[in-house]
């Protein structure tokens, strides 16, 4: 991995480490993507999937990283995103962001 890649990875790990953990919500969990407070069990994990937008933990962490890094910027600012092998929820989320040119790279 290149030096720039290592720096980016360290930055993402730091953002995730500083993000609120599930225990900190004390029963009042809210999806940071859609605002739903209902969560379903998924893949043997309790309350892993949002009932509103079907996001999983990894989607909500990615969304928080995007938000903190300014990718989900207000209208009037232009952002360009190239994503490899996106999942449907991430594709829909980034494709709908105003002011973002979103390019999806997929083999299909």
PDB file of N, CA and C in Angstrom:
ATOM      1  N   UNK A   1       0.847  -1.174   0.000  1.00  0.00           N
ATOM      2  CA  UNK A   1       0.000   0.000   0.000  1.00  0.00           C
ATOM      3  C   UNK A   1       0.896   1.242   0.000  1.00  0.00           C
ATOM      4  N   UNK A   2       0.490   2.267  -0.710  1.00  0.00           N
ATOM      5  CA  UNK A   2       1.264   3.500  -0.792  1.00  0.00           C
ATOM      6  C   UNK A   2       1.161   4.282   0.507  1.00  0.00           C
ATOM      7  N   UNK A   3       2.046   5.251   0.665  1.00  0.00           N
ATOM      8  CA  UNK A   3       2.023   6.110   1.848  1.00  0.00           C
ATOM      9  C   UNK A   3       0.695   6.858   1.950  1.00  0.00           C
ATOM     10  N   UNK A   4       0.208   7.391   0.831  1.00  0.00           N
ATOM     11  CA  UNK A   4      -1.069   8.121   0.836  1.00  0.00           C
ATOM     12  C   UNK A   4      -2.215   7.199   1.255  1.00  0.00           C
ATOM     13  N   UNK A   5      -2.170   5.948   0.799  1.00  0.00           N
ATOM     14  CA  UNK A   5      -3.193   4.985   1.184  1.00  0.00           C
ATOM     15  C   UNK A   5      -3.169   4.692   2.671  1.00  0.00           C
ATOM     16  N   UNK A   6      -1.960   4.564   3.229  1.00  0.00           N
ATOM     17  CA  UNK A   6      -1.824   4.323   4.669  1.00  0.00           C
ATOM     18  C   UNK A   6      -2.329   5.503   5.487  1.00  0.00           C
ATOM     19  N   UNK A   7      -2.041   6.710   5.019  1.00  0.00           N
ATOM     20  CA  UNK A   7      -2.510   7.912   5.714  1.00  0.00           C
ATOM     21  C   UNK A   7      -4.039   7.976   5.675  1.00  0.00           C
ATOM     22  N   UNK A   8      -4.631   7.691   4.521  1.00  0.00           N
ATOM     23  CA  UNK A   8      -6.090   7.706   4.404  1.00  0.00           C
ATOM     24  C   UNK A   8      -6.716   6.649   5.301  1.00  0.00           C
ATOM     25  N   UNK A   9      -6.129   5.458   5.343  1.00  0.00           N
ATOM     26  CA  UNK A   9      -6.642   4.388   6.189  1.00  0.00           C
ATOM     27  C   UNK A   9      -6.559   4.772   7.666  1.00  0.00           C
ATOM     28  N   UNK A  10      -5.466   5.367   8.079  1.00  0.00           N
ATOM     29  CA  UNK A  10      -5.317   5.800   9.471  1.00  0.00           C
ATOM     30  C   UNK A  10      -6.351   6.865   9.823  1.00  0.00           C
ATOM     31  N   UNK A  11      -6.629   7.749   8.885  1.00  0.00           N
ATOM     32  CA  UNK A  11      -7.617   8.810   9.109  1.00  0.00           C
ATOM     33  C   UNK A  11      -9.021   8.230   9.270  1.00  0.00           C
ATOM     34  N   UNK A  12      -9.369   7.248   8.446  1.00  0.00           N
ATOM     35  CA  UNK A  12     -10.677   6.594   8.543  1.00  0.00           C
ATOM     36  C   UNK A  12     -10.786   5.843   9.863  1.00  0.00           C
ATOM     37  N   UNK A  13      -9.731   5.125  10.252  1.00  0.00           N
ATOM     38  CA  UNK A  13      -9.760   4.415  11.528  1.00  0.00           C
ATOM     39  C   UNK A  13      -9.955   5.381  12.687  1.00  0.00           C
ATOM     40  N   UNK A  14      -9.323   6.544  12.620  1.00  0.00           N
ATOM     41  CA  UNK A  14      -9.477   7.545  13.675  1.00  0.00           C
ATOM     42  C   UNK A  14     -10.917   8.057  13.730  1.00  0.00           C
ATOM     43  N   UNK A  15     -11.518   8.314  12.561  1.00  0.00           N
ATOM     44  CA  UNK A  15     -12.909   8.771  12.529  1.00  0.00           C
ATOM     45  C   UNK A  15     -13.851   7.725  13.110  1.00  0.00           C
ATOM     46  N   UNK A  16     -13.625   6.472  12.762  1.00  0.00           N
ATOM     47  CA  UNK A  16     -14.477   5.393  13.276  1.00  0.00           C
ATOM     48  C   UNK A  16     -14.301   5.265  14.783  1.00  0.00           C
ATOM     49  N   UNK A  17     -13.063   5.360  15.251  1.00  0.00           N
ATOM     50  CA  UNK A  17     -12.791   5.239  16.682  1.00  0.00           C
ATOM     51  C   UNK A  17     -13.492   6.356  17.470  1.00  0.00           C
ATOM     52  N   UNK A  18     -13.573   7.557  16.897  1.00  0.00           N
ATOM     53  CA  UNK A  18     -14.201   8.687  17.583  1.00  0.00           C
ATOM     54  C   UNK A  18     -15.718   8.723  17.404  1.00  0.00           C
ATOM     55  N   UNK A  19     -16.262   7.858  16.553  1.00  0.00           N
ATOM     56  CA  UNK A  19     -17.706   7.819  16.332  1.00  0.00           C
ATOM     57  C   UNK A  19     -18.390   7.196  17.539  1.00  0.00           C
ATOM     58  N   UNK A  20     -19.625   7.633  17.822  1.00  0.00           N
ATOM     59  CA  UNK A  20     -20.356   7.042  18.939  1.00  0.00           C
ATOM     60  C   UNK A  20     -20.536   5.540  18.739  1.00  0.00           C
ATOM     61  N   UNK A  21     -20.351   4.795  19.792  1.00  0.00           N
ATOM     62  CA  UNK A  21     -20.553   3.358  19.756  1.00  0.00           C
ATOM     63  C   UNK A  21     -21.997   3.041  20.144  1.00  0.00           C
ATOM     64  N   UNK A  22     -22.525   1.891  19.737  1.00  0.00           N
ATOM     65  CA  UNK A  22     -23.920   1.555  20.032  1.00  0.00           C
ATOM     66  C   UNK A  22     -24.306   1.702  21.497  1.00  0.00           C
ATOM     67  N   UNK A  23     -23.402   1.356  22.427  1.00  0.00           N
ATOM     68  CA  UNK A  23     -23.726   1.460  23.851  1.00  0.00           C
ATOM     69  C   UNK A  23     -23.957   2.899  24.287  1.00  0.00           C
ATOM     70  N   UNK A  24     -23.385   3.858  23.578  1.00  0.00           N
ATOM     71  CA  UNK A  24     -23.512   5.256  23.955  1.00  0.00           C
ATOM     72  C   UNK A  24     -24.898   5.813  23.652  1.00  0.00           C
ATOM     73  N   UNK A  25     -25.678   5.103  22.827  1.00  0.00           N
ATOM     74  CA  UNK A  25     -27.013   5.582  22.486  1.00  0.00           C
ATOM     75  C   UNK A  25     -28.013   5.289  23.601  1.00  0.00           C
ATOM     76  N   UNK A  26     -27.691   4.362  24.493  1.00  0.00           N
ATOM     77  CA  UNK A  26     -28.526   4.015  25.639  1.00  0.00           C
ATOM     78  C   UNK A  26     -29.986   3.829  25.259  1.00  0.00           C
ATOM     79  N   UNK A  27     -30.236   3.010  24.262  1.00  0.00           N
ATOM     80  CA  UNK A  27     -31.610   2.692  23.897  1.00  0.00           C
ATOM     81  C   UNK A  27     -32.269   3.681  22.952  1.00  0.00           C
ATOM     82  N   UNK A  28     -31.616   4.764  22.613  1.00  0.00           N
ATOM     83  CA  UNK A  28     -32.223   5.755  21.722  1.00  0.00           C
ATOM     84  C   UNK A  28     -31.447   5.834  20.408  1.00  0.00           C
ATOM     85  N   UNK A  29     -31.161   4.680  19.822  1.00  0.00           N
ATOM     86  CA  UNK A  29     -30.423   4.646  18.561  1.00  0.00           C
ATOM     87  C   UNK A  29     -31.213   5.289  17.445  1.00  0.00           C
ATOM     88  N   UNK A  30     -30.516   6.040  16.622  1.00  0.00           N
ATOM     89  CA  UNK A  30     -31.126   6.688  15.465  1.00  0.00           C
ATOM     90  C   UNK A  30     -30.217   6.436  14.269  1.00  0.00           C
ATOM     91  N   UNK A  31     -30.802   6.018  13.160  1.00  0.00           N
ATOM     92  CA  UNK A  31     -30.032   5.809  11.940  1.00  0.00           C
ATOM     93  C   UNK A  31     -29.541   7.154  11.429  1.00  0.00           C
ATOM     94  N   UNK A  32     -28.245   7.286  11.207  1.00  0.00           N
ATOM     95  CA  UNK A  32     -27.699   8.559  10.726  1.00  0.00           C
ATOM     96  C   UNK A  32     -27.936   8.777   9.241  1.00  0.00           C
ATOM     97  N   UNK A  33     -28.541   7.791   8.560  1.00  0.00           N
ATOM     98  CA  UNK A  33     -28.850   7.950   7.147  1.00  0.00           C
ATOM     99  C   UNK A  33     -30.285   8.423   6.946  1.00  0.00           C
ATOM    100  N   UNK A  34     -31.249   7.722   7.577  1.00  0.00           N
ATOM    101  CA  UNK A  34     -32.661   8.048   7.338  1.00  0.00           C
ATOM    102  C   UNK A  34     -33.399   8.575   8.564  1.00  0.00           C
ATOM    103  N   UNK A  35     -32.803   8.467   9.741  1.00  0.00           N
ATOM    104  CA  UNK A  35     -33.433   8.977  10.947  1.00  0.00           C
ATOM    105  C   UNK A  35     -34.351   7.983  11.653  1.00  0.00           C
ATOM    106  N   UNK A  36     -34.452   6.773  11.146  1.00  0.00           N
ATOM    107  CA  UNK A  36     -35.311   5.758  11.765  1.00  0.00           C
ATOM    108  C   UNK A  36     -34.760   5.356  13.132  1.00  0.00           C
ATOM    109  N   UNK A  37     -35.658   4.962  14.025  1.00  0.00           N
ATOM    110  CA  UNK A  37     -35.248   4.480  15.343  1.00  0.00           C
ATOM    111  C   UNK A  37     -35.518   2.985  15.501  1.00  0.00           C
ATOM    112  N   UNK A  38     -35.974   2.340  14.437  1.00  0.00           N
ATOM    113  CA  UNK A  38     -36.265   0.905  14.469  1.00  0.00           C
ATOM    114  C   UNK A  38     -35.133   0.133  13.796  1.00  0.00           C
ATOM    115  N   UNK A  39     -34.637  -0.898  14.496  1.00  0.00           N
ATOM    116  CA  UNK A  39     -33.560  -1.726  13.976  1.00  0.00           C
ATOM    117  C   UNK A  39     -33.943  -3.194  14.082  1.00  0.00           C
ATOM    118  N   UNK A  40     -33.509  -3.972  13.108  1.00  0.00           N
ATOM    119  CA  UNK A  40     -33.827  -5.392  13.034  1.00  0.00           C
ATOM    120  C   UNK A  40     -32.564  -6.226  13.197  1.00  0.00           C
ATOM    121  N   UNK A  41     -32.747  -7.462  13.655  1.00  0.00           N
ATOM    122  CA  UNK A  41     -31.619  -8.388  13.714  1.00  0.00           C
ATOM    123  C   UNK A  41     -31.224  -8.773  12.292  1.00  0.00           C
ATOM    124  N   UNK A  42     -29.929  -8.963  12.076  1.00  0.00           N
ATOM    125  CA  UNK A  42     -29.450  -9.329  10.743  1.00  0.00           C
ATOM    126  C   UNK A  42     -28.174 -10.144  10.885  1.00  0.00           C
ATOM    127  N   UNK A  43     -28.126 -11.271  10.223  1.00  0.00           N
ATOM    128  CA  UNK A  43     -26.923 -12.095  10.211  1.00  0.00           C
ATOM    129  C   UNK A  43     -26.432 -12.506  11.588  1.00  0.00           C
ATOM    130  N   UNK A  44     -27.349 -12.742  12.507  1.00  0.00           N
ATOM    131  CA  UNK A  44     -26.968 -13.131  13.861  1.00  0.00           C
ATOM    132  C   UNK A  44     -26.576 -11.973  14.756  1.00  0.00           C
ATOM    133  N   UNK A  45     -26.681 -10.744  14.251  1.00  0.00           N
ATOM    134  CA  UNK A  45     -26.345  -9.555  15.046  1.00  0.00           C
ATOM    135  C   UNK A  45     -27.621  -8.833  15.438  1.00  0.00           C
ATOM    136  N   UNK A  46     -27.752  -8.534  16.710  1.00  0.00           N
ATOM    137  CA  UNK A  46     -28.937  -7.846  17.208  1.00  0.00           C
ATOM    138  C   UNK A  46     -28.940  -6.388  16.748  1.00  0.00           C
ATOM    139  N   UNK A  47     -30.080  -5.922  16.299  1.00  0.00           N
ATOM    140  CA  UNK A  47     -30.274  -4.514  15.905  1.00  0.00           C
ATOM    141  C   UNK A  47     -29.208  -4.033  14.922  1.00  0.00           C
ATOM    142  N   UNK A  48     -28.906  -4.842  13.926  1.00  0.00           N
ATOM    143  CA  UNK A  48     -27.852  -4.497  12.966  1.00  0.00           C
ATOM    144  C   UNK A  48     -28.376  -3.762  11.744  1.00  0.00           C
ATOM    145  N   UNK A  49     -29.636  -4.018  11.353  1.00  0.00           N
ATOM    146  CA  UNK A  49     -30.178  -3.454  10.113  1.00  0.00           C
ATOM    147  C   UNK A  49     -31.259  -2.425  10.421  1.00  0.00           C
ATOM    148  N   UNK A  50     -31.155  -1.262   9.797  1.00  0.00           N
ATOM    149  CA  UNK A  50     -32.167  -0.215   9.959  1.00  0.00           C
ATOM    150  C   UNK A  50     -33.452  -0.655   9.257  1.00  0.00           C
ATOM    151  N   UNK A  51     -34.562  -0.523   9.941  1.00  0.00           N
ATOM    152  CA  UNK A  51     -35.846  -0.904   9.354  1.00  0.00           C
ATOM    153  C   UNK A  51     -36.304   0.116   8.316  1.00  0.00           C
ATOM    154  N   UNK A  52     -35.790   1.340   8.375  1.00  0.00           N
ATOM    155  CA  UNK A  52     -36.206   2.382   7.451  1.00  0.00           C
ATOM    156  C   UNK A  52     -35.530   2.320   6.093  1.00  0.00           C
ATOM    157  N   UNK A  53     -34.216   2.194   6.097  1.00  0.00           N
ATOM    158  CA  UNK A  53     -33.465   2.241   4.827  1.00  0.00           C
ATOM    159  C   UNK A  53     -32.678   0.965   4.551  1.00  0.00           C
ATOM    160  N   UNK A  54     -32.775  -0.032   5.407  1.00  0.00           N
ATOM    161  CA  UNK A  54     -32.089  -1.326   5.326  1.00  0.00           C
ATOM    162  C   UNK A  54     -30.562  -1.230   5.413  1.00  0.00           C
ATOM    163  N   UNK A  55     -30.041  -0.121   5.908  1.00  0.00           N
ATOM    164  CA  UNK A  55     -28.588  -0.001   6.044  1.00  0.00           C
ATOM    165  C   UNK A  55     -28.087  -0.889   7.172  1.00  0.00           C
ATOM    166  N   UNK A  56     -26.843  -1.324   7.024  1.00  0.00           N
ATOM    167  CA  UNK A  56     -26.163  -2.099   8.054  1.00  0.00           C
ATOM    168  C   UNK A  56     -25.140  -1.194   8.747  1.00  0.00           C
ATOM    169  N   UNK A  57     -24.481  -1.748   9.762  1.00  0.00           N
ATOM    170  CA  UNK A  57     -23.510  -0.945  10.511  1.00  0.00           C
ATOM    171  C   UNK A  57     -22.471  -0.325   9.596  1.00  0.00           C
ATOM    172  N   UNK A  58     -21.945  -1.109   8.652  1.00  0.00           N
ATOM    173  CA  UNK A  58     -20.874  -0.609   7.775  1.00  0.00           C
ATOM    174  C   UNK A  58     -21.348   0.552   6.906  1.00  0.00           C
ATOM    175  N   UNK A  59     -22.615   0.530   6.499  1.00  0.00           N
ATOM    176  CA  UNK A  59     -23.151   1.628   5.690  1.00  0.00           C
ATOM    177  C   UNK A  59     -23.247   2.901   6.525  1.00  0.00           C
ATOM    178  N   UNK A  60     -23.677   2.753   7.769  1.00  0.00           N
ATOM    179  CA  UNK A  60     -23.808   3.924   8.638  1.00  0.00           C
ATOM    180  C   UNK A  60     -22.450   4.506   8.998  1.00  0.00           C
ATOM    181  N   UNK A  61     -21.435   3.653   9.168  1.00  0.00           N
ATOM    182  CA  UNK A  61     -20.082   4.150   9.433  1.00  0.00           C
ATOM    183  C   UNK A  61     -19.552   4.889   8.203  1.00  0.00           C
ATOM    184  N   UNK A  62     -19.736   4.313   7.022  1.00  0.00           N
ATOM    185  CA  UNK A  62     -19.296   4.978   5.781  1.00  0.00           C
ATOM    186  C   UNK A  62     -19.985   6.322   5.615  1.00  0.00           C
ATOM    187  N   UNK A  63     -21.296   6.364   5.874  1.00  0.00           N
ATOM    188  CA  UNK A  63     -22.037   7.614   5.750  1.00  0.00           C
ATOM    189  C   UNK A  63     -21.461   8.670   6.694  1.00  0.00           C
ATOM    190  N   UNK A  64     -21.129   8.259   7.911  1.00  0.00           N
ATOM    191  CA  UNK A  64     -20.564   9.204   8.883  1.00  0.00           C
ATOM    192  C   UNK A  64     -19.199   9.708   8.432  1.00  0.00           C
ATOM    193  N   UNK A  65     -18.383   8.829   7.868  1.00  0.00           N
ATOM    194  CA  UNK A  65     -17.081   9.246   7.337  1.00  0.00           C
ATOM    195  C   UNK A  65     -17.281  10.229   6.183  1.00  0.00           C
ATOM    196  N   UNK A  66     -18.211   9.922   5.276  1.00  0.00           N
ATOM    197  CA  UNK A  66     -18.496  10.831   4.156  1.00  0.00           C
ATOM    198  C   UNK A  66     -18.925  12.203   4.672  1.00  0.00           C
ATOM    199  N   UNK A  67     -19.798  12.198   5.679  1.00  0.00           N
ATOM    200  CA  UNK A  67     -20.304  13.452   6.237  1.00  0.00           C
ATOM    201  C   UNK A  67     -19.172  14.264   6.886  1.00  0.00           C
ATOM    202  N   UNK A  68     -18.360  13.602   7.695  1.00  0.00           N
ATOM    203  CA  UNK A  68     -17.282  14.301   8.400  1.00  0.00           C
ATOM    204  C   UNK A  68     -16.188  14.802   7.462  1.00  0.00           C
ATOM    205  N   UNK A  69     -15.988  14.099   6.371  1.00  0.00           N
ATOM    206  CA  UNK A  69     -14.962  14.500   5.415  1.00  0.00           C
ATOM    207  C   UNK A  69     -15.477  15.538   4.414  1.00  0.00           C
ATOM    208  N   UNK A  70     -16.744  15.903   4.517  1.00  0.00           N
ATOM    209  CA  UNK A  70     -17.289  16.942   3.653  1.00  0.00           C
ATOM    210  C   UNK A  70     -17.786  16.458   2.313  1.00  0.00           C
ATOM    211  N   UNK A  71     -17.883  15.150   2.124  1.00  0.00           N
ATOM    212  CA  UNK A  71     -18.373  14.628   0.855  1.00  0.00           C
ATOM    213  C   UNK A  71     -19.852  14.957   0.666  1.00  0.00           C
ATOM    214  N   UNK A  72     -20.592  14.974   1.747  1.00  0.00           N
ATOM    215  CA  UNK A  72     -22.020  15.300   1.682  1.00  0.00           C
ATOM    216  C   UNK A  72     -22.180  16.798   1.908  1.00  0.00           C
ATOM    217  N   UNK A  73     -21.519  17.556   1.084  1.00  0.00           N
ATOM    218  CA  UNK A  73     -21.471  19.010   1.220  1.00  0.00           C
ATOM    219  C   UNK A  73     -22.781  19.648   0.774  1.00  0.00           C
ATOM    220  N   UNK A  74     -23.041  20.836   1.262  1.00  0.00           N
ATOM    221  CA  UNK A  74     -24.264  21.539   0.867  1.00  0.00           C
ATOM    222  C   UNK A  74     -24.276  21.896  -0.617  1.00  0.00           C
ATOM    223  N   UNK A  75     -25.470  22.170  -1.115  1.00  0.00           N
ATOM    224  CA  UNK A  75     -25.616  22.561  -2.518  1.00  0.00           C
ATOM    225  C   UNK A  75     -24.736  23.771  -2.818  1.00  0.00           C
ATOM    226  N   UNK A  76     -24.206  23.804  -4.012  1.00  0.00           N
ATOM    227  CA  UNK A  76     -23.350  24.916  -4.412  1.00  0.00           C
ATOM    228  C   UNK A  76     -21.874  24.544  -4.385  1.00  0.00           C
ATOM    229  N   UNK A  77     -21.549  23.409  -3.782  1.00  0.00           N
ATOM    230  CA  UNK A  77     -20.174  22.932  -3.785  1.00  0.00           C
ATOM    231  C   UNK A  77     -20.117  21.656  -4.602  1.00  0.00           C
ATOM    232  N   UNK A  78     -19.132  21.567  -5.454  1.00  0.00           N
ATOM    233  CA  UNK A  78     -19.018  20.424  -6.362  1.00  0.00           C
ATOM    234  C   UNK A  78     -18.043  19.399  -5.794  1.00  0.00           C
ATOM    235  N   UNK A  79     -18.467  18.165  -5.762  1.00  0.00           N
ATOM    236  CA  UNK A  79     -17.642  17.055  -5.318  1.00  0.00           C
ATOM    237  C   UNK A  79     -17.652  15.986  -6.405  1.00  0.00           C
ATOM    238  N   UNK A  80     -16.530  15.284  -6.558  1.00  0.00           N
ATOM    239  CA  UNK A  80     -16.467  14.171  -7.500  1.00  0.00           C
ATOM    240  C   UNK A  80     -16.115  12.909  -6.728  1.00  0.00           C
ATOM    241  N   UNK A  81     -16.854  11.832  -7.010  1.00  0.00           N
ATOM    242  CA  UNK A  81     -16.653  10.575  -6.301  1.00  0.00           C
ATOM    243  C   UNK A  81     -16.532   9.444  -7.312  1.00  0.00           C
ATOM    244  N   UNK A  82     -15.496   8.635  -7.156  1.00  0.00           N
ATOM    245  CA  UNK A  82     -15.340   7.418  -7.938  1.00  0.00           C
ATOM    246  C   UNK A  82     -15.360   6.279  -6.939  1.00  0.00           C
ATOM    247  N   UNK A  83     -16.319   5.364  -7.098  1.00  0.00           N
ATOM    248  CA  UNK A  83     -16.437   4.260  -6.162  1.00  0.00           C
ATOM    249  C   UNK A  83     -16.351   2.933  -6.896  1.00  0.00           C
ATOM    250  N   UNK A  84     -15.563   2.021  -6.347  1.00  0.00           N
ATOM    251  CA  UNK A  84     -15.412   0.695  -6.917  1.00  0.00           C
ATOM    252  C   UNK A  84     -16.282  -0.294  -6.156  1.00  0.00           C
ATOM    253  N   UNK A  85     -16.992  -1.153  -6.892  1.00  0.00           N
ATOM    254  CA  UNK A  85     -17.828  -2.211  -6.330  1.00  0.00           C
ATOM    255  C   UNK A  85     -18.776  -1.713  -5.244  1.00  0.00           C
ATOM    256  N   UNK A  86     -19.617  -0.742  -5.557  1.00  0.00           N
ATOM    257  CA  UNK A  86     -20.511  -0.209  -4.533  1.00  0.00           C
ATOM    258  C   UNK A  86     -21.660  -1.166  -4.213  1.00  0.00           C
ATOM    259  N   UNK A  87     -22.134  -1.086  -3.004  1.00  0.00           N
ATOM    260  CA  UNK A  87     -23.348  -1.792  -2.639  1.00  0.00           C
ATOM    261  C   UNK A  87     -24.513  -0.890  -3.022  1.00  0.00           C
ATOM    262  N   UNK A  88     -25.683  -1.466  -3.179  1.00  0.00           N
ATOM    263  CA  UNK A  88     -26.842  -0.721  -3.655  1.00  0.00           C
ATOM    264  C   UNK A  88     -27.154   0.489  -2.782  1.00  0.00           C
ATOM    265  N   UNK A  89     -27.131   0.330  -1.464  1.00  0.00           N
ATOM    266  CA  UNK A  89     -27.482   1.449  -0.584  1.00  0.00           C
ATOM    267  C   UNK A  89     -26.473   2.591  -0.709  1.00  0.00           C
ATOM    268  N   UNK A  90     -25.183   2.257  -0.833  1.00  0.00           N
ATOM    269  CA  UNK A  90     -24.158   3.285  -0.989  1.00  0.00           C
ATOM    270  C   UNK A  90     -24.296   3.969  -2.345  1.00  0.00           C
ATOM    271  N   UNK A  91     -24.572   3.191  -3.378  1.00  0.00           N
ATOM    272  CA  UNK A  91     -24.779   3.729  -4.715  1.00  0.00           C
ATOM    273  C   UNK A  91     -25.948   4.716  -4.718  1.00  0.00           C
ATOM    274  N   UNK A  92     -27.053   4.337  -4.104  1.00  0.00           N
ATOM    275  CA  UNK A  92     -28.229   5.215  -4.051  1.00  0.00           C
ATOM    276  C   UNK A  92     -27.948   6.469  -3.238  1.00  0.00           C
ATOM    277  N   UNK A  93     -27.266   6.316  -2.122  1.00  0.00           N
ATOM    278  CA  UNK A  93     -26.964   7.449  -1.249  1.00  0.00           C
ATOM    279  C   UNK A  93     -26.086   8.474  -1.958  1.00  0.00           C
ATOM    280  N   UNK A  94     -24.978   8.031  -2.518  1.00  0.00           N
ATOM    281  CA  UNK A  94     -24.060   8.969  -3.158  1.00  0.00           C
ATOM    282  C   UNK A  94     -24.586   9.480  -4.493  1.00  0.00           C
ATOM    283  N   UNK A  95     -25.369   8.664  -5.186  1.00  0.00           N
ATOM    284  CA  UNK A  95     -25.945   9.097  -6.457  1.00  0.00           C
ATOM    285  C   UNK A  95     -26.972  10.204  -6.301  1.00  0.00           C
ATOM    286  N   UNK A  96     -27.579  10.291  -5.108  1.00  0.00           N
ATOM    287  CA  UNK A  96     -28.619  11.283  -4.860  1.00  0.00           C
ATOM    288  C   UNK A  96     -28.112  12.573  -4.225  1.00  0.00           C
ATOM    289  N   UNK A  97     -26.823  12.626  -3.887  1.00  0.00           N
ATOM    290  CA  UNK A  97     -26.285  13.811  -3.223  1.00  0.00           C
ATOM    291  C   UNK A  97     -26.181  14.964  -4.218  1.00  0.00           C
ATOM    292  N   UNK A  98     -26.800  16.064  -3.890  1.00  0.00           N
ATOM    293  CA  UNK A  98     -26.775  17.247  -4.747  1.00  0.00           C
ATOM    294  C   UNK A  98     -25.366  17.825  -4.786  1.00  0.00           C
ATOM    295  N   UNK A  99     -24.912  18.174  -5.964  1.00  0.00           N
ATOM    296  CA  UNK A  99     -23.587  18.779  -6.109  1.00  0.00           C
ATOM    297  C   UNK A  99     -22.470  17.762  -6.198  1.00  0.00           C
ATOM    298  N   UNK A 100     -22.818  16.488  -6.320  1.00  0.00           N
ATOM    299  CA  UNK A 100     -21.805  15.446  -6.393  1.00  0.00           C
ATOM    300  C   UNK A 100     -21.870  14.750  -7.746  1.00  0.00           C
ATOM    301  N   UNK A 101     -20.741  14.676  -8.415  1.00  0.00           N
ATOM    302  CA  UNK A 101     -20.633  13.884  -9.627  1.00  0.00           C
ATOM    303  C   UNK A 101     -20.194  12.504  -9.184  1.00  0.00           C
ATOM    304  N   UNK A 102     -21.064  11.529  -9.346  1.00  0.00           N
ATOM    305  CA  UNK A 102     -20.812  10.187  -8.839  1.00  0.00           C
ATOM    306  C   UNK A 102     -20.593   9.236 -10.004  1.00  0.00           C
ATOM    307  N   UNK A 103     -19.440   8.571 -10.007  1.00  0.00           N
ATOM    308  CA  UNK A 103     -19.112   7.606 -11.034  1.00  0.00           C
ATOM    309  C   UNK A 103     -18.928   6.263 -10.363  1.00  0.00           C
ATOM    310  N   UNK A 104     -19.688   5.290 -10.834  1.00  0.00           N
ATOM    311  CA  UNK A 104     -19.661   3.953 -10.269  1.00  0.00           C
ATOM    312  C   UNK A 104     -18.864   3.048 -11.189  1.00  0.00           C
ATOM    313  N   UNK A 105     -17.877   2.378 -10.652  1.00  0.00           N
ATOM    314  CA  UNK A 105     -17.081   1.453 -11.440  1.00  0.00           C
ATOM    315  C   UNK A 105     -17.449   0.031 -11.025  1.00  0.00           C
ATOM    316  N   UNK A 106     -18.082  -0.665 -11.932  1.00  0.00           N
ATOM    317  CA  UNK A 106     -18.522  -2.024 -11.642  1.00  0.00           C
ATOM    318  C   UNK A 106     -18.326  -2.858 -12.892  1.00  0.00           C
ATOM    319  N   UNK A 107     -18.068  -4.117 -12.716  1.00  0.00           N
ATOM    320  CA  UNK A 107     -17.830  -4.980 -13.875  1.00  0.00           C
ATOM    321  C   UNK A 107     -19.103  -5.340 -14.613  1.00  0.00           C
ATOM    322  N   UNK A 108     -20.256  -5.109 -14.039  1.00  0.00           N
ATOM    323  CA  UNK A 108     -21.506  -5.475 -14.710  1.00  0.00           C
ATOM    324  C   UNK A 108     -21.874  -4.524 -15.787  1.00  0.00           C
TER     325      UNK A 108
END
